[in-house]
Amino acid sequence: MGKLLHRHNEFIVIEEEHSRGVVLINAKGIYRNHGHLKKLSTAIMMIDLIERKIIPKSDYLRGTAFRVSLDDNYKVKVQRKIDKDKSKQKFININKGVVKK
């Protein structure tokens, strides 16, 4: 087990032993209620977003928020945003690489 870096309500942030990163754990949940992040500041930001019920803008952080949170209403909101972004049409620039003379 790594070193405890931060504790806030039911959330615990520990340092990973074999890599450069942190693990955000929901202590009230089971084993699957954790997420791996690169920096302590990101973990603290995720705790704030989850407590305030704000959906993160990053795809990876949305997945982490979905795993760490225990609130079903918040999980439904996050899943809806993930599904909405999957069905979004991607932009492809067809003129990329064309040089005008």
N, C-alpha and C. Protein backbone atom coordinates (compact mmCIF):
# COMPACT_ATOMS: atom_id res chain seq x y z
N MET A 1 0.85 -1.17 0.00
CA MET A 1 0.00 0.00 0.00
C MET A 1 0.89 1.23 0.00
N GLY A 2 0.45 2.27 -0.68
CA GLY A 2 1.22 3.49 -0.78
C GLY A 2 1.01 4.43 0.38
N LYS A 3 1.65 5.57 0.28
CA LYS A 3 1.58 6.58 1.32
C LYS A 3 0.32 7.43 1.16
N LEU A 4 -0.35 7.70 2.28
CA LEU A 4 -1.55 8.54 2.27
C LEU A 4 -1.14 9.98 2.00
N LEU A 5 -1.73 10.58 0.94
CA LEU A 5 -1.40 11.95 0.58
C LEU A 5 -2.48 12.94 0.98
N HIS A 6 -3.75 12.53 0.89
CA HIS A 6 -4.85 13.45 1.15
C HIS A 6 -6.07 12.66 1.59
N ARG A 7 -6.86 13.25 2.47
CA ARG A 7 -8.10 12.63 2.91
C ARG A 7 -9.16 13.73 3.02
N HIS A 8 -10.34 13.48 2.43
CA HIS A 8 -11.44 14.45 2.49
C HIS A 8 -12.74 13.66 2.52
N ASN A 9 -13.50 13.79 3.61
CA ASN A 9 -14.73 13.04 3.83
C ASN A 9 -14.49 11.55 3.56
N GLU A 10 -15.19 10.96 2.59
CA GLU A 10 -15.01 9.53 2.33
C GLU A 10 -13.95 9.24 1.27
N PHE A 11 -13.28 10.28 0.76
CA PHE A 11 -12.29 10.09 -0.30
C PHE A 11 -10.88 10.06 0.28
N ILE A 12 -10.07 9.14 -0.25
CA ILE A 12 -8.68 8.99 0.16
C ILE A 12 -7.82 9.03 -1.10
N VAL A 13 -6.69 9.74 -1.02
CA VAL A 13 -5.74 9.78 -2.13
C VAL A 13 -4.43 9.19 -1.61
N ILE A 14 -3.97 8.12 -2.26
CA ILE A 14 -2.71 7.52 -1.88
C ILE A 14 -1.75 7.54 -3.06
N GLU A 15 -0.47 7.47 -2.75
CA GLU A 15 0.56 7.44 -3.78
C GLU A 15 0.77 6.01 -4.24
N GLU A 16 0.88 5.81 -5.55
CA GLU A 16 1.15 4.48 -6.09
C GLU A 16 2.60 4.11 -5.81
N GLU A 17 2.84 2.87 -5.52
CA GLU A 17 4.19 2.44 -5.15
C GLU A 17 5.14 2.33 -6.34
N HIS A 18 4.68 1.74 -7.43
CA HIS A 18 5.59 1.40 -8.52
C HIS A 18 5.52 2.34 -9.71
N SER A 19 4.75 3.38 -9.62
CA SER A 19 4.67 4.31 -10.75
C SER A 19 4.49 5.73 -10.22
N ARG A 20 4.52 6.66 -11.11
CA ARG A 20 4.35 8.06 -10.73
C ARG A 20 2.89 8.42 -10.87
N GLY A 21 2.17 8.33 -9.81
CA GLY A 21 0.77 8.66 -9.87
C GLY A 21 0.11 8.48 -8.52
N VAL A 22 -1.18 8.76 -8.51
CA VAL A 22 -1.96 8.63 -7.29
C VAL A 22 -3.21 7.81 -7.57
N VAL A 23 -3.79 7.28 -6.51
CA VAL A 23 -5.02 6.52 -6.61
C VAL A 23 -6.06 7.23 -5.77
N LEU A 24 -7.20 7.57 -6.38
CA LEU A 24 -8.32 8.18 -5.68
C LEU A 24 -9.29 7.06 -5.31
N ILE A 25 -9.56 6.93 -4.01
CA ILE A 25 -10.39 5.83 -3.51
C ILE A 25 -11.59 6.38 -2.77
N ASN A 26 -12.76 5.80 -3.01
CA ASN A 26 -13.94 6.10 -2.21
C ASN A 26 -13.99 5.05 -1.11
N ALA A 27 -13.74 5.47 0.13
CA ALA A 27 -13.63 4.54 1.26
C ALA A 27 -14.96 3.88 1.61
N LYS A 28 -16.07 4.49 1.24
CA LYS A 28 -17.38 3.90 1.52
C LYS A 28 -17.76 2.84 0.49
N GLY A 29 -17.05 2.79 -0.60
CA GLY A 29 -17.36 1.84 -1.66
C GLY A 29 -16.56 0.57 -1.54
N ILE A 30 -16.62 -0.24 -2.60
CA ILE A 30 -15.87 -1.49 -2.64
C ILE A 30 -14.62 -1.27 -3.50
N TYR A 31 -13.92 -2.36 -3.83
CA TYR A 31 -12.64 -2.25 -4.53
C TYR A 31 -12.76 -1.49 -5.86
N ARG A 32 -13.83 -1.69 -6.59
CA ARG A 32 -13.93 -1.06 -7.91
C ARG A 32 -14.17 0.45 -7.84
N ASN A 33 -14.41 1.02 -6.67
CA ASN A 33 -14.64 2.46 -6.53
C ASN A 33 -13.31 3.19 -6.31
N HIS A 34 -12.43 3.08 -7.30
CA HIS A 34 -11.16 3.81 -7.26
C HIS A 34 -10.78 4.20 -8.68
N GLY A 35 -9.88 5.18 -8.78
CA GLY A 35 -9.40 5.62 -10.08
C GLY A 35 -7.95 6.04 -9.99
N HIS A 36 -7.21 5.84 -11.07
CA HIS A 36 -5.79 6.18 -11.12
C HIS A 36 -5.62 7.52 -11.84
N LEU A 37 -4.87 8.41 -11.23
CA LEU A 37 -4.61 9.73 -11.79
C LEU A 37 -3.13 10.02 -11.73
N LYS A 38 -2.68 11.04 -12.47
CA LYS A 38 -1.25 11.34 -12.51
C LYS A 38 -0.79 12.27 -11.40
N LYS A 39 -1.63 13.23 -11.00
CA LYS A 39 -1.18 14.23 -10.04
C LYS A 39 -2.15 14.36 -8.86
N LEU A 40 -1.62 14.78 -7.74
CA LEU A 40 -2.42 15.00 -6.55
C LEU A 40 -3.43 16.12 -6.78
N SER A 41 -3.03 17.16 -7.51
CA SER A 41 -3.94 18.28 -7.76
C SER A 41 -5.16 17.83 -8.58
N THR A 42 -4.96 16.91 -9.50
CA THR A 42 -6.08 16.39 -10.29
C THR A 42 -7.02 15.58 -9.41
N ALA A 43 -6.46 14.82 -8.48
CA ALA A 43 -7.29 14.03 -7.56
C ALA A 43 -8.13 14.94 -6.66
N ILE A 44 -7.53 16.02 -6.18
CA ILE A 44 -8.27 16.96 -5.34
C ILE A 44 -9.37 17.65 -6.15
N MET A 45 -9.06 17.99 -7.41
CA MET A 45 -10.07 18.59 -8.28
C MET A 45 -11.22 17.61 -8.52
N MET A 46 -10.90 16.32 -8.70
CA MET A 46 -11.94 15.31 -8.92
C MET A 46 -12.83 15.17 -7.69
N ILE A 47 -12.25 15.23 -6.50
CA ILE A 47 -13.06 15.17 -5.27
C ILE A 47 -14.03 16.33 -5.24
N ASP A 48 -13.55 17.51 -5.59
CA ASP A 48 -14.40 18.71 -5.60
C ASP A 48 -15.53 18.57 -6.63
N LEU A 49 -15.21 18.09 -7.83
CA LEU A 49 -16.22 17.93 -8.87
C LEU A 49 -17.28 16.91 -8.47
N ILE A 50 -16.84 15.80 -7.89
CA ILE A 50 -17.79 14.76 -7.49
C ILE A 50 -18.71 15.25 -6.38
N GLU A 51 -18.16 15.98 -5.41
CA GLU A 51 -18.99 16.48 -4.32
C GLU A 51 -19.98 17.54 -4.78
N ARG A 52 -19.58 18.35 -5.76
CA ARG A 52 -20.46 19.41 -6.27
C ARG A 52 -21.34 18.93 -7.42
N LYS A 53 -21.22 17.65 -7.79
CA LYS A 53 -22.03 17.01 -8.85
C LYS A 53 -21.82 17.68 -10.21
N ILE A 54 -20.57 18.03 -10.51
CA ILE A 54 -20.21 18.64 -11.79
C ILE A 54 -19.56 17.57 -12.66
N ILE A 55 -19.96 17.50 -13.92
CA ILE A 55 -19.42 16.50 -14.84
C ILE A 55 -18.11 17.02 -15.43
N PRO A 56 -17.02 16.26 -15.34
CA PRO A 56 -15.74 16.69 -15.91
C PRO A 56 -15.79 16.78 -17.43
N LYS A 57 -14.93 17.62 -18.01
CA LYS A 57 -14.91 17.79 -19.46
C LYS A 57 -14.08 16.71 -20.16
N SER A 58 -13.10 16.17 -19.49
CA SER A 58 -12.23 15.15 -20.07
C SER A 58 -12.91 13.78 -20.07
N ASP A 59 -12.69 13.02 -21.14
CA ASP A 59 -13.25 11.66 -21.22
C ASP A 59 -12.72 10.78 -20.11
N TYR A 60 -11.40 10.84 -19.88
CA TYR A 60 -10.79 9.99 -18.86
C TYR A 60 -11.32 10.35 -17.47
N LEU A 61 -11.43 11.65 -17.20
CA LEU A 61 -11.92 12.07 -15.89
C LEU A 61 -13.40 11.73 -15.70
N ARG A 62 -14.17 11.72 -16.78
CA ARG A 62 -15.57 11.28 -16.68
C ARG A 62 -15.65 9.82 -16.26
N GLY A 63 -14.80 9.00 -16.83
CA GLY A 63 -14.76 7.59 -16.46
C GLY A 63 -14.36 7.39 -15.01
N THR A 64 -13.40 8.19 -14.56
CA THR A 64 -12.96 8.12 -13.16
C THR A 64 -14.08 8.57 -12.23
N ALA A 65 -14.77 9.65 -12.60
CA ALA A 65 -15.88 10.14 -11.77
C ALA A 65 -16.98 9.09 -11.70
N PHE A 66 -17.23 8.40 -12.80
CA PHE A 66 -18.26 7.36 -12.83
C PHE A 66 -17.89 6.21 -11.89
N ARG A 67 -16.62 5.80 -11.89
CA ARG A 67 -16.19 4.69 -11.05
C ARG A 67 -16.14 5.06 -9.57
N VAL A 68 -15.66 6.26 -9.25
CA VAL A 68 -15.43 6.64 -7.85
C VAL A 68 -16.73 6.99 -7.13
N SER A 69 -17.67 7.62 -7.83
CA SER A 69 -18.89 8.09 -7.19
C SER A 69 -19.82 6.95 -6.80
N LEU A 70 -20.56 7.15 -5.71
CA LEU A 70 -21.57 6.19 -5.27
C LEU A 70 -22.99 6.72 -5.48
N ASP A 71 -23.12 7.99 -5.86
CA ASP A 71 -24.43 8.61 -6.07
C ASP A 71 -25.00 8.18 -7.42
N ASP A 72 -26.14 7.50 -7.40
CA ASP A 72 -26.73 6.97 -8.64
C ASP A 72 -27.18 8.07 -9.60
N ASN A 73 -27.74 9.16 -9.08
CA ASN A 73 -28.18 10.26 -9.96
C ASN A 73 -27.00 10.88 -10.69
N TYR A 74 -25.90 11.07 -9.99
CA TYR A 74 -24.69 11.64 -10.61
C TYR A 74 -24.13 10.67 -11.65
N LYS A 75 -24.14 9.39 -11.36
CA LYS A 75 -23.65 8.40 -12.30
C LYS A 75 -24.48 8.38 -13.59
N VAL A 76 -25.79 8.57 -13.45
CA VAL A 76 -26.67 8.62 -14.63
C VAL A 76 -26.31 9.83 -15.49
N LYS A 77 -26.07 10.99 -14.86
CA LYS A 77 -25.68 12.20 -15.60
C LYS A 77 -24.37 11.99 -16.35
N VAL A 78 -23.39 11.41 -15.67
CA VAL A 78 -22.08 11.18 -16.30
C VAL A 78 -22.22 10.20 -17.45
N GLN A 79 -22.97 9.11 -17.26
CA GLN A 79 -23.16 8.13 -18.33
C GLN A 79 -23.89 8.73 -19.52
N ARG A 80 -24.86 9.60 -19.26
CA ARG A 80 -25.58 10.26 -20.35
C ARG A 80 -24.63 11.13 -21.17
N LYS A 81 -23.72 11.85 -20.50
CA LYS A 81 -22.75 12.70 -21.20
C LYS A 81 -21.76 11.84 -21.99
N ILE A 82 -21.33 10.71 -21.44
CA ILE A 82 -20.43 9.81 -22.16
C ILE A 82 -21.11 9.29 -23.42
N ASP A 83 -22.36 8.85 -23.31
CA ASP A 83 -23.10 8.34 -24.48
C ASP A 83 -23.34 9.42 -25.51
N LYS A 84 -23.63 10.63 -25.05
CA LYS A 84 -23.87 11.75 -25.96
C LYS A 84 -22.60 12.07 -26.76
N ASP A 85 -21.45 12.04 -26.11
CA ASP A 85 -20.21 12.33 -26.82
C ASP A 85 -19.81 11.22 -27.78
N LYS A 86 -20.19 9.97 -27.49
CA LYS A 86 -19.88 8.87 -28.40
C LYS A 86 -20.67 9.01 -29.70
N SER A 87 -21.89 9.52 -29.63
CA SER A 87 -22.72 9.64 -30.82
C SER A 87 -22.48 10.95 -31.58
N LYS A 88 -21.62 11.79 -31.06
CA LYS A 88 -21.33 13.07 -31.70
C LYS A 88 -20.53 12.85 -32.98
N GLN A 89 -20.85 13.61 -34.02
CA GLN A 89 -20.15 13.49 -35.28
C GLN A 89 -18.75 14.09 -35.17
N LYS A 90 -17.75 13.40 -35.68
CA LYS A 90 -16.37 13.86 -35.63
C LYS A 90 -16.08 14.79 -36.79
N PHE A 91 -15.25 15.82 -36.55
CA PHE A 91 -14.86 16.77 -37.59
C PHE A 91 -13.59 16.27 -38.26
N ILE A 92 -13.60 16.21 -39.59
CA ILE A 92 -12.43 15.83 -40.36
C ILE A 92 -12.16 16.93 -41.37
N ASN A 93 -10.97 17.50 -41.31
CA ASN A 93 -10.59 18.55 -42.25
C ASN A 93 -10.09 17.89 -43.53
N ILE A 94 -10.88 17.98 -44.61
CA ILE A 94 -10.53 17.30 -45.85
C ILE A 94 -9.42 18.05 -46.61
N ASN A 95 -9.17 19.30 -46.29
CA ASN A 95 -8.14 20.08 -47.00
C ASN A 95 -6.79 20.04 -46.29
N LYS A 96 -6.62 19.18 -45.34
CA LYS A 96 -5.37 19.11 -44.60
C LYS A 96 -4.24 18.66 -45.52
N GLY A 97 -3.18 19.40 -45.54
CA GLY A 97 -2.02 19.05 -46.35
C GLY A 97 -2.03 19.64 -47.74
N VAL A 98 -3.08 20.32 -48.14
CA VAL A 98 -3.16 20.92 -49.46
C VAL A 98 -2.45 22.27 -49.43
N VAL A 99 -1.55 22.50 -50.37
CA VAL A 99 -0.79 23.75 -50.43
C VAL A 99 -1.31 24.56 -51.60
N LYS A 100 -1.66 25.84 -51.36
CA LYS A 100 -2.12 26.73 -52.44
C LYS A 100 -0.91 27.41 -53.04
N LYS A 101 -0.93 27.58 -54.36
CA LYS A 101 0.17 28.24 -55.05
C LYS A 101 -0.24 29.59 -55.56
